Amino acid sequence: MNLTNFNPAEIRRVGEPYVGKANDVWKTSDSRVLEYDHTDRASAGNGAKRAVIPGKGKANNKISTEIFRRLEAAGISTHYLGPGSSESSKYVAKTEPIKLEVIGRFFTAGSFCREFKLPKDIPFNGVFVEFTYKNDAEGDPRITDREIVKAGLVRDAEDVAFMRDVTEKVAYILRDFFD
């Protein structure tokens, strides 16, 4: 993504960060830009397990930056703008978050296996896309396309179809990257 007149040399962190389970998000002197700082904090099980892993922030930033670059090269828009003020941070365009987790799977795994009582590693024919409502306290419950629209999380069914299409493309890019 490009922002008109975005100059990383002029960006400064402002105020206190939003502190998440594993990362911090800073407002900046440019109201269109946030600085996403990957920390060494680790979290699992929707925050039930916590630890600190030295070097994790730098490693996560390096990996995610490469993923954003590959997605952009494949024509998939992201909010990535460029390197941040430290080895563990990046500048991103400020966007309005959607309270959904969009998951693309090639095989059964994790919560899918637990919910449907299926063994791990059963292959899907292509990418299986599923949505969960982003709510750690509720365990990120599954949500249907229709419920997403009814809840006003997106404008219409075309938005859901777009998210499915992009998720499928991203899944193949990520599979190739991690292979």
N, C-alpha and C. Protein backbone atom coordinates (compact mmCIF):
# COMPACT_ATOMS: atom_id res chain seq x y z
N MET A 1 0.85 -1.18 0.00
CA MET A 1 0.00 0.00 0.00
C MET A 1 0.89 1.24 0.00
N ASN A 2 0.48 2.23 -0.70
CA ASN A 2 1.18 3.51 -0.69
C ASN A 2 0.27 4.59 -0.15
N LEU A 3 0.79 5.45 0.68
CA LEU A 3 0.04 6.61 1.14
C LEU A 3 0.72 7.84 0.56
N THR A 4 -0.05 8.77 0.05
CA THR A 4 0.50 10.01 -0.49
C THR A 4 1.24 10.75 0.61
N ASN A 5 2.42 11.21 0.29
CA ASN A 5 3.25 12.00 1.21
C ASN A 5 3.67 11.24 2.46
N PHE A 6 3.69 9.91 2.43
CA PHE A 6 4.18 9.13 3.58
C PHE A 6 5.70 9.18 3.57
N ASN A 7 6.27 9.71 4.64
CA ASN A 7 7.72 9.80 4.77
C ASN A 7 8.13 9.19 6.10
N PRO A 8 8.66 7.95 6.08
CA PRO A 8 9.01 7.28 7.33
C PRO A 8 9.99 8.08 8.20
N ALA A 9 10.85 8.88 7.57
CA ALA A 9 11.82 9.67 8.34
C ALA A 9 11.15 10.71 9.23
N GLU A 10 9.92 11.09 8.89
CA GLU A 10 9.21 12.11 9.67
C GLU A 10 8.25 11.52 10.69
N ILE A 11 8.12 10.20 10.74
CA ILE A 11 7.15 9.55 11.62
C ILE A 11 7.74 9.41 13.03
N ARG A 12 6.93 9.72 14.02
CA ARG A 12 7.30 9.57 15.43
C ARG A 12 6.15 8.88 16.16
N ARG A 13 6.49 8.05 17.15
CA ARG A 13 5.47 7.44 18.00
C ARG A 13 4.83 8.52 18.87
N VAL A 14 3.53 8.37 19.11
CA VAL A 14 2.78 9.35 19.88
C VAL A 14 2.04 8.63 21.01
N GLY A 15 2.13 9.15 22.23
CA GLY A 15 1.37 8.61 23.35
C GLY A 15 1.85 7.25 23.79
N GLU A 16 0.92 6.52 24.36
CA GLU A 16 1.20 5.17 24.85
C GLU A 16 0.64 4.15 23.85
N PRO A 17 1.27 2.97 23.76
CA PRO A 17 0.77 1.99 22.79
C PRO A 17 -0.47 1.26 23.28
N TYR A 18 -1.20 0.71 22.32
CA TYR A 18 -2.20 -0.30 22.64
C TYR A 18 -1.39 -1.57 22.86
N VAL A 19 -1.52 -2.18 24.02
CA VAL A 19 -0.74 -3.37 24.36
C VAL A 19 -1.63 -4.60 24.20
N GLY A 20 -1.29 -5.43 23.23
CA GLY A 20 -2.01 -6.66 23.00
C GLY A 20 -1.35 -7.82 23.71
N LYS A 21 -1.82 -9.04 23.42
CA LYS A 21 -1.26 -10.22 24.06
C LYS A 21 0.20 -10.41 23.69
N ALA A 22 0.52 -10.15 22.42
CA ALA A 22 1.88 -10.42 21.96
C ALA A 22 2.54 -9.24 21.25
N ASN A 23 1.78 -8.19 20.94
CA ASN A 23 2.33 -7.06 20.18
C ASN A 23 1.79 -5.74 20.70
N ASP A 24 2.52 -4.67 20.39
CA ASP A 24 2.10 -3.33 20.75
C ASP A 24 1.82 -2.54 19.47
N VAL A 25 0.81 -1.69 19.51
CA VAL A 25 0.47 -0.86 18.36
C VAL A 25 0.53 0.60 18.81
N TRP A 26 1.35 1.38 18.10
CA TRP A 26 1.56 2.78 18.44
C TRP A 26 0.85 3.69 17.46
N LYS A 27 0.20 4.74 17.96
CA LYS A 27 -0.23 5.84 17.09
C LYS A 27 1.04 6.59 16.72
N THR A 28 0.97 7.30 15.59
CA THR A 28 2.15 8.04 15.16
C THR A 28 1.79 9.50 14.85
N SER A 29 2.80 10.26 14.54
CA SER A 29 2.61 11.67 14.20
C SER A 29 1.84 11.86 12.90
N ASP A 30 1.69 10.81 12.11
CA ASP A 30 0.85 10.83 10.91
C ASP A 30 -0.41 10.03 11.25
N SER A 31 -1.54 10.68 11.33
CA SER A 31 -2.78 10.02 11.78
C SER A 31 -3.22 8.86 10.89
N ARG A 32 -2.64 8.74 9.70
CA ARG A 32 -2.99 7.65 8.79
C ARG A 32 -2.15 6.40 9.02
N VAL A 33 -1.14 6.52 9.89
CA VAL A 33 -0.11 5.48 10.05
C VAL A 33 -0.02 5.01 11.49
N LEU A 34 0.11 3.69 11.66
CA LEU A 34 0.40 3.09 12.95
C LEU A 34 1.76 2.41 12.88
N GLU A 35 2.40 2.26 14.03
CA GLU A 35 3.63 1.46 14.08
C GLU A 35 3.32 0.20 14.87
N TYR A 36 3.46 -0.93 14.20
CA TYR A 36 3.16 -2.24 14.76
C TYR A 36 4.46 -2.83 15.28
N ASP A 37 4.55 -3.03 16.59
CA ASP A 37 5.79 -3.50 17.21
C ASP A 37 5.61 -4.92 17.71
N HIS A 38 6.31 -5.85 17.08
CA HIS A 38 6.29 -7.25 17.50
C HIS A 38 7.15 -7.37 18.75
N THR A 39 6.57 -7.89 19.83
CA THR A 39 7.31 -8.03 21.08
C THR A 39 7.78 -9.47 21.25
N ASP A 40 8.52 -9.69 22.31
CA ASP A 40 8.97 -11.05 22.64
C ASP A 40 7.93 -11.80 23.47
N ARG A 41 6.78 -11.14 23.73
CA ARG A 41 5.71 -11.82 24.45
C ARG A 41 5.08 -12.87 23.55
N ALA A 42 4.74 -14.01 24.13
CA ALA A 42 4.08 -15.09 23.38
C ALA A 42 2.77 -15.42 24.07
N SER A 43 1.81 -15.85 23.27
CA SER A 43 0.49 -16.17 23.79
C SER A 43 -0.06 -17.38 23.02
N ALA A 44 -0.80 -18.23 23.72
CA ALA A 44 -1.45 -19.37 23.07
C ALA A 44 -2.78 -19.62 23.77
N GLY A 45 -3.64 -20.34 23.08
CA GLY A 45 -4.94 -20.67 23.66
C GLY A 45 -5.77 -19.45 23.99
N ASN A 46 -5.83 -18.50 23.04
CA ASN A 46 -6.58 -17.25 23.25
C ASN A 46 -6.14 -16.51 24.52
N GLY A 47 -4.82 -16.54 24.77
CA GLY A 47 -4.27 -15.80 25.90
C GLY A 47 -4.17 -16.60 27.18
N ALA A 48 -4.61 -17.86 27.17
CA ALA A 48 -4.56 -18.68 28.38
C ALA A 48 -3.13 -19.00 28.80
N LYS A 49 -2.24 -19.13 27.83
CA LYS A 49 -0.83 -19.42 28.10
C LYS A 49 -0.01 -18.21 27.66
N ARG A 50 0.95 -17.82 28.50
CA ARG A 50 1.78 -16.67 28.18
C ARG A 50 3.24 -16.97 28.54
N ALA A 51 4.15 -16.40 27.74
CA ALA A 51 5.58 -16.56 27.99
C ALA A 51 6.32 -15.42 27.30
N VAL A 52 7.60 -15.33 27.55
CA VAL A 52 8.47 -14.39 26.84
C VAL A 52 9.55 -15.23 26.16
N ILE A 53 9.73 -14.98 24.86
CA ILE A 53 10.72 -15.72 24.07
C ILE A 53 11.69 -14.70 23.47
N PRO A 54 12.91 -14.62 24.01
CA PRO A 54 13.87 -13.62 23.51
C PRO A 54 14.10 -13.77 21.99
N GLY A 55 14.03 -12.64 21.28
CA GLY A 55 14.26 -12.64 19.83
C GLY A 55 13.01 -12.88 19.00
N LYS A 56 11.90 -13.25 19.63
CA LYS A 56 10.66 -13.56 18.91
C LYS A 56 10.15 -12.35 18.13
N GLY A 57 10.21 -11.17 18.72
CA GLY A 57 9.70 -9.97 18.05
C GLY A 57 10.41 -9.68 16.75
N LYS A 58 11.72 -9.73 16.77
CA LYS A 58 12.51 -9.48 15.55
C LYS A 58 12.22 -10.54 14.50
N ALA A 59 12.15 -11.80 14.93
CA ALA A 59 11.89 -12.89 13.98
C ALA A 59 10.49 -12.76 13.38
N ASN A 60 9.49 -12.49 14.20
CA ASN A 60 8.12 -12.33 13.69
C ASN A 60 8.03 -11.16 12.71
N ASN A 61 8.72 -10.07 13.03
CA ASN A 61 8.69 -8.92 12.13
C ASN A 61 9.32 -9.25 10.79
N LYS A 62 10.42 -9.95 10.81
CA LYS A 62 11.11 -10.32 9.57
C LYS A 62 10.23 -11.24 8.71
N ILE A 63 9.63 -12.24 9.34
CA ILE A 63 8.78 -13.19 8.61
C ILE A 63 7.53 -12.50 8.07
N SER A 64 6.84 -11.74 8.91
CA SER A 64 5.60 -11.10 8.45
C SER A 64 5.87 -10.05 7.39
N THR A 65 6.99 -9.35 7.48
CA THR A 65 7.34 -8.36 6.45
C THR A 65 7.54 -9.06 5.11
N GLU A 66 8.21 -10.19 5.11
CA GLU A 66 8.40 -10.94 3.86
C GLU A 66 7.07 -11.43 3.31
N ILE A 67 6.18 -11.86 4.18
CA ILE A 67 4.85 -12.30 3.74
C ILE A 67 4.12 -11.13 3.08
N PHE A 68 4.11 -9.96 3.72
CA PHE A 68 3.44 -8.79 3.14
C PHE A 68 4.03 -8.46 1.77
N ARG A 69 5.34 -8.52 1.64
CA ARG A 69 5.99 -8.21 0.36
C ARG A 69 5.55 -9.20 -0.73
N ARG A 70 5.46 -10.47 -0.37
CA ARG A 70 5.03 -11.48 -1.34
C ARG A 70 3.56 -11.30 -1.74
N LEU A 71 2.72 -10.97 -0.77
CA LEU A 71 1.31 -10.72 -1.07
C LEU A 71 1.18 -9.53 -2.01
N GLU A 72 1.87 -8.45 -1.72
CA GLU A 72 1.82 -7.26 -2.57
C GLU A 72 2.32 -7.60 -3.98
N ALA A 73 3.39 -8.38 -4.07
CA ALA A 73 3.94 -8.77 -5.38
C ALA A 73 2.94 -9.60 -6.18
N ALA A 74 2.06 -10.31 -5.47
CA ALA A 74 1.04 -11.14 -6.13
C ALA A 74 -0.24 -10.35 -6.41
N GLY A 75 -0.22 -9.04 -6.11
CA GLY A 75 -1.37 -8.19 -6.40
C GLY A 75 -2.42 -8.15 -5.30
N ILE A 76 -2.06 -8.61 -4.12
CA ILE A 76 -2.99 -8.58 -2.99
C ILE A 76 -2.61 -7.39 -2.10
N SER A 77 -3.53 -6.45 -1.99
CA SER A 77 -3.27 -5.25 -1.20
C SER A 77 -3.18 -5.59 0.28
N THR A 78 -2.26 -4.94 0.97
CA THR A 78 -2.11 -5.09 2.42
C THR A 78 -2.01 -3.69 3.02
N HIS A 79 -1.91 -3.65 4.33
CA HIS A 79 -1.74 -2.37 5.01
C HIS A 79 -0.27 -2.06 5.29
N TYR A 80 0.64 -2.90 4.82
CA TYR A 80 2.08 -2.72 5.05
C TYR A 80 2.60 -1.50 4.31
N LEU A 81 3.36 -0.66 5.02
CA LEU A 81 3.96 0.53 4.40
C LEU A 81 5.47 0.47 4.33
N GLY A 82 6.12 -0.14 5.33
CA GLY A 82 7.57 -0.22 5.32
C GLY A 82 8.13 -0.48 6.71
N PRO A 83 9.47 -0.59 6.78
CA PRO A 83 10.13 -0.84 8.06
C PRO A 83 9.81 0.26 9.08
N GLY A 84 9.71 -0.13 10.35
CA GLY A 84 9.43 0.82 11.42
C GLY A 84 10.70 1.39 12.02
N SER A 85 10.59 1.88 13.24
CA SER A 85 11.71 2.56 13.89
C SER A 85 12.66 1.60 14.60
N SER A 86 12.34 0.30 14.61
CA SER A 86 13.22 -0.69 15.24
C SER A 86 13.20 -1.97 14.41
N GLU A 87 14.08 -2.89 14.77
CA GLU A 87 14.15 -4.17 14.04
C GLU A 87 12.90 -5.03 14.26
N SER A 88 12.12 -4.69 15.27
CA SER A 88 10.93 -5.49 15.56
C SER A 88 9.63 -4.81 15.13
N SER A 89 9.73 -3.68 14.40
CA SER A 89 8.50 -2.96 14.06
C SER A 89 8.37 -2.64 12.58
N LYS A 90 7.14 -2.30 12.20
CA LYS A 90 6.84 -1.90 10.83
C LYS A 90 5.77 -0.83 10.86
N TYR A 91 5.75 -0.01 9.80
CA TYR A 91 4.68 0.97 9.65
C TYR A 91 3.57 0.35 8.81
N VAL A 92 2.34 0.59 9.25
CA VAL A 92 1.17 0.08 8.54
C VAL A 92 0.14 1.20 8.43
N ALA A 93 -0.67 1.13 7.38
CA ALA A 93 -1.76 2.08 7.22
C ALA A 93 -2.82 1.79 8.28
N LYS A 94 -3.35 2.83 8.87
CA LYS A 94 -4.42 2.67 9.84
C LYS A 94 -5.68 2.24 9.10
N THR A 95 -6.28 1.16 9.54
CA THR A 95 -7.49 0.64 8.91
C THR A 95 -8.53 0.37 9.99
N GLU A 96 -9.71 0.09 9.57
CA GLU A 96 -10.79 -0.27 10.49
C GLU A 96 -10.81 -1.79 10.59
N PRO A 97 -10.52 -2.35 11.77
CA PRO A 97 -10.49 -3.81 11.87
C PRO A 97 -11.88 -4.44 11.72
N ILE A 98 -11.89 -5.64 11.19
CA ILE A 98 -13.11 -6.44 11.09
C ILE A 98 -13.03 -7.48 12.20
N LYS A 99 -14.08 -7.65 12.96
CA LYS A 99 -14.07 -8.56 14.11
C LYS A 99 -14.21 -10.02 13.67
N LEU A 100 -13.43 -10.41 12.68
CA LEU A 100 -13.46 -11.79 12.18
C LEU A 100 -12.06 -12.35 12.09
N GLU A 101 -11.96 -13.64 12.30
CA GLU A 101 -10.77 -14.38 11.90
C GLU A 101 -11.18 -15.15 10.66
N VAL A 102 -10.40 -15.03 9.61
CA VAL A 102 -10.67 -15.74 8.37
C VAL A 102 -9.56 -16.77 8.21
N ILE A 103 -9.94 -18.03 8.16
CA ILE A 103 -8.97 -19.13 8.19
C ILE A 103 -9.06 -19.91 6.89
N GLY A 104 -7.92 -20.12 6.26
CA GLY A 104 -7.85 -20.97 5.07
C GLY A 104 -7.09 -22.24 5.42
N ARG A 105 -7.72 -23.38 5.22
CA ARG A 105 -7.10 -24.67 5.60
C ARG A 105 -6.96 -25.58 4.38
N PHE A 106 -5.85 -26.29 4.34
CA PHE A 106 -5.67 -27.35 3.35
C PHE A 106 -5.95 -28.72 3.97
N PHE A 107 -5.86 -28.79 5.32
CA PHE A 107 -6.05 -30.04 6.06
C PHE A 107 -6.84 -29.75 7.33
N THR A 108 -7.48 -30.76 7.88
CA THR A 108 -8.11 -30.60 9.19
C THR A 108 -7.01 -30.41 10.23
N ALA A 109 -7.29 -29.52 11.17
CA ALA A 109 -6.32 -29.24 12.24
C ALA A 109 -6.99 -28.43 13.33
N GLY A 110 -6.32 -28.38 14.49
CA GLY A 110 -6.68 -27.48 15.58
C GLY A 110 -8.14 -27.49 15.98
N SER A 111 -8.70 -26.27 16.04
CA SER A 111 -10.08 -26.11 16.52
C SER A 111 -11.08 -26.82 15.61
N PHE A 112 -10.76 -26.93 14.33
CA PHE A 112 -11.66 -27.64 13.40
C PHE A 112 -11.80 -29.10 13.83
N CYS A 113 -10.67 -29.74 14.16
CA CYS A 113 -10.71 -31.14 14.61
C CYS A 113 -11.47 -31.26 15.93
N ARG A 114 -11.22 -30.34 16.85
CA ARG A 114 -11.90 -30.39 18.15
C ARG A 114 -13.41 -30.20 17.98
N GLU A 115 -13.81 -29.22 17.15
CA GLU A 115 -15.24 -28.93 17.00
C GLU A 115 -15.98 -30.06 16.31
N PHE A 116 -15.38 -30.65 15.28
CA PHE A 116 -16.07 -31.68 14.51
C PHE A 116 -15.63 -33.10 14.86
N LYS A 117 -14.77 -33.20 15.88
CA LYS A 117 -14.28 -34.50 16.36
C LYS A 117 -13.72 -35.33 15.21
N LEU A 118 -12.83 -34.70 14.47
CA LEU A 118 -12.17 -35.34 13.33
C LEU A 118 -10.69 -35.49 13.61
N PRO A 119 -10.06 -36.49 13.01
CA PRO A 119 -8.61 -36.60 13.16
C PRO A 119 -7.90 -35.49 12.40
N LYS A 120 -6.69 -35.23 12.80
CA LYS A 120 -5.84 -34.22 12.18
C LYS A 120 -5.35 -34.71 10.81
N ASP A 121 -5.10 -33.75 9.92
CA ASP A 121 -4.45 -33.98 8.62
C ASP A 121 -5.30 -34.67 7.55
N ILE A 122 -6.60 -34.59 7.65
CA ILE A 122 -7.45 -35.04 6.54
C ILE A 122 -7.41 -33.91 5.49
N PRO A 123 -6.99 -34.21 4.27
CA PRO A 123 -6.89 -33.13 3.28
C PRO A 123 -8.25 -32.68 2.76
N PHE A 124 -8.35 -31.36 2.51
CA PHE A 124 -9.52 -30.82 1.83
C PHE A 124 -9.21 -30.77 0.34
N ASN A 125 -10.23 -30.72 -0.48
CA ASN A 125 -10.05 -30.56 -1.92
C ASN A 125 -9.89 -29.06 -2.17
N GLY A 126 -8.65 -28.58 -2.20
CA GLY A 126 -8.38 -27.14 -2.30
C GLY A 126 -8.36 -26.51 -0.92
N VAL A 127 -8.73 -25.23 -0.85
CA VAL A 127 -8.69 -24.48 0.40
C VAL A 127 -10.10 -24.45 1.01
N PHE A 128 -10.19 -24.83 2.27
CA PHE A 128 -11.44 -24.71 3.01
C PHE A 128 -11.36 -23.40 3.78
N VAL A 129 -12.28 -22.48 3.52
CA VAL A 129 -12.28 -21.18 4.18
C VAL A 129 -13.38 -21.16 5.24
N GLU A 130 -13.00 -20.74 6.46
CA GLU A 130 -13.98 -20.63 7.54
C GLU A 130 -13.79 -19.30 8.25
N PHE A 131 -14.86 -18.86 8.89
CA PHE A 131 -14.85 -17.60 9.63
C PHE A 131 -15.15 -17.87 11.09
N THR A 132 -14.46 -17.14 11.97
CA THR A 132 -14.82 -17.14 13.38
C THR A 132 -14.96 -15.69 13.82
N TYR A 133 -15.85 -15.47 14.78
CA TYR A 133 -16.05 -14.14 15.34
C TYR A 133 -14.94 -13.89 16.35
N LYS A 134 -14.19 -12.80 16.16
CA LYS A 134 -13.03 -12.52 17.01
C LYS A 134 -13.49 -12.11 18.40
N ASN A 135 -13.43 -13.09 19.33
CA ASN A 135 -13.84 -12.86 20.70
C ASN A 135 -13.16 -13.93 21.57
N ASP A 136 -12.02 -13.57 22.16
CA ASP A 136 -11.25 -14.53 22.95
C ASP A 136 -12.06 -15.12 24.11
N ALA A 137 -12.85 -14.28 24.77
CA ALA A 137 -13.63 -14.75 25.92
C ALA A 137 -14.61 -15.85 25.52
N GLU A 138 -15.10 -15.79 24.29
CA GLU A 138 -16.06 -16.80 23.80
C GLU A 138 -15.36 -17.91 23.00
N GLY A 139 -14.03 -17.85 22.90
CA GLY A 139 -13.30 -18.88 22.17
C GLY A 139 -13.39 -18.72 20.66
N ASP A 140 -13.57 -17.49 20.18
CA ASP A 140 -13.66 -17.21 18.74
C ASP A 140 -14.64 -18.16 18.05
N PRO A 141 -15.93 -18.02 18.34
CA PRO A 141 -16.91 -18.97 17.79
C PRO A 141 -17.06 -18.87 16.27
N ARG A 142 -17.36 -20.00 15.67
CA ARG A 142 -17.60 -20.07 14.23
C ARG A 142 -18.80 -19.19 13.89
N ILE A 143 -18.75 -18.54 12.72
CA ILE A 143 -19.84 -17.69 12.26
C ILE A 143 -20.06 -17.94 10.77
N THR A 144 -21.30 -17.99 10.35
CA THR A 144 -21.62 -18.27 8.95
C THR A 144 -21.59 -16.99 8.11
N ASP A 145 -21.54 -17.17 6.81
CA ASP A 145 -21.56 -16.03 5.88
C ASP A 145 -22.78 -15.15 6.15
N ARG A 146 -23.92 -15.80 6.29
CA ARG A 146 -25.17 -15.06 6.50
C ARG A 146 -25.15 -14.28 7.82
N GLU A 147 -24.63 -14.91 8.88
CA GLU A 147 -24.54 -14.24 10.18
C GLU A 147 -23.58 -13.04 10.12
N ILE A 148 -22.53 -13.17 9.34
CA ILE A 148 -21.57 -12.07 9.19
C ILE A 148 -22.27 -10.83 8.63
N VAL A 149 -23.09 -11.04 7.61
CA VAL A 149 -23.82 -9.94 6.98
C VAL A 149 -24.89 -9.41 7.94
N LYS A 150 -25.67 -10.31 8.54
CA LYS A 150 -26.74 -9.89 9.46
C LYS A 150 -26.21 -9.09 10.64
N ALA A 151 -25.02 -9.45 11.12
CA ALA A 151 -24.43 -8.76 12.27
C ALA A 151 -23.83 -7.41 11.87
N GLY A 152 -23.79 -7.13 10.58
CA GLY A 152 -23.24 -5.85 10.12
C GLY A 152 -21.73 -5.79 10.17
N LEU A 153 -21.07 -6.96 10.18
CA LEU A 153 -19.61 -6.98 10.22
C LEU A 153 -19.00 -6.61 8.87
N VAL A 154 -19.78 -6.77 7.81
CA VAL A 154 -19.41 -6.34 6.45
C VAL A 154 -20.66 -5.72 5.81
N ARG A 155 -20.49 -5.13 4.63
CA ARG A 155 -21.62 -4.47 3.97
C ARG A 155 -22.64 -5.45 3.43
N ASP A 156 -22.13 -6.52 2.76
CA ASP A 156 -23.06 -7.42 2.07
C ASP A 156 -22.37 -8.75 1.76
N ALA A 157 -23.12 -9.66 1.14
CA ALA A 157 -22.60 -10.99 0.80
C ALA A 157 -21.43 -10.91 -0.17
N GLU A 158 -21.38 -9.87 -0.99
CA GLU A 158 -20.25 -9.70 -1.92
C GLU A 158 -18.95 -9.50 -1.15
N ASP A 159 -19.00 -8.81 -0.01
CA ASP A 159 -17.80 -8.64 0.82
C ASP A 159 -17.32 -9.98 1.34
N VAL A 160 -18.26 -10.83 1.77
CA VAL A 160 -17.90 -12.15 2.27
C VAL A 160 -17.27 -12.97 1.15
N ALA A 161 -17.86 -12.93 -0.03
CA ALA A 161 -17.31 -13.66 -1.18
C ALA A 161 -15.91 -13.16 -1.51
N PHE A 162 -15.71 -11.84 -1.43
CA PHE A 162 -14.38 -11.27 -1.68
C PHE A 162 -13.37 -11.79 -0.65
N MET A 163 -13.76 -11.83 0.63
CA MET A 163 -12.86 -12.34 1.67
C MET A 163 -12.52 -13.81 1.43
N ARG A 164 -13.49 -14.60 1.00
CA ARG A 164 -13.24 -16.01 0.69
C ARG A 164 -12.23 -16.13 -0.46
N ASP A 165 -12.45 -15.34 -1.50
CA ASP A 165 -11.57 -15.39 -2.68
C ASP A 165 -10.14 -14.99 -2.32
N VAL A 166 -9.99 -13.90 -1.59
CA VAL A 166 -8.65 -13.44 -1.21
C VAL A 166 -7.99 -14.45 -0.27
N THR A 167 -8.75 -15.00 0.67
CA THR A 167 -8.19 -15.98 1.59
C THR A 167 -7.66 -17.20 0.85
N GLU A 168 -8.39 -17.64 -0.15
CA GLU A 168 -7.92 -18.78 -0.94
C GLU A 168 -6.59 -18.45 -1.64
N LYS A 169 -6.51 -17.28 -2.25
CA LYS A 169 -5.26 -16.87 -2.91
C LYS A 169 -4.10 -16.77 -1.91
N VAL A 170 -4.39 -16.15 -0.77
CA VAL A 170 -3.36 -15.99 0.26
C VAL A 170 -2.90 -17.36 0.77
N ALA A 171 -3.82 -18.30 0.94
CA ALA A 171 -3.45 -19.63 1.44
C ALA A 171 -2.42 -20.29 0.53
N TYR A 172 -2.61 -20.19 -0.78
CA TYR A 172 -1.64 -20.79 -1.70
C TYR A 172 -0.30 -20.08 -1.64
N ILE A 173 -0.32 -18.76 -1.52
CA ILE A 173 0.95 -18.01 -1.42
C ILE A 173 1.68 -18.39 -0.13
N LEU A 174 0.94 -18.47 0.98
CA LEU A 174 1.58 -18.83 2.24
C LEU A 174 2.09 -20.26 2.25
N ARG A 175 1.33 -21.16 1.65
CA ARG A 175 1.80 -22.55 1.57
C ARG A 175 3.12 -22.62 0.82
N ASP A 176 3.19 -21.94 -0.31
CA ASP A 176 4.43 -21.93 -1.08
C ASP A 176 5.58 -21.31 -0.29
N PHE A 177 5.29 -20.21 0.42
CA PHE A 177 6.30 -19.53 1.22
C PHE A 177 6.85 -20.45 2.31
N PHE A 178 5.94 -21.09 3.04
CA PHE A 178 6.40 -21.91 4.18
C PHE A 178 6.96 -23.26 3.72
N ASP A 179 6.59 -23.73 2.53
CA ASP A 179 7.23 -24.94 1.98
C ASP A 179 8.69 -24.64 1.68
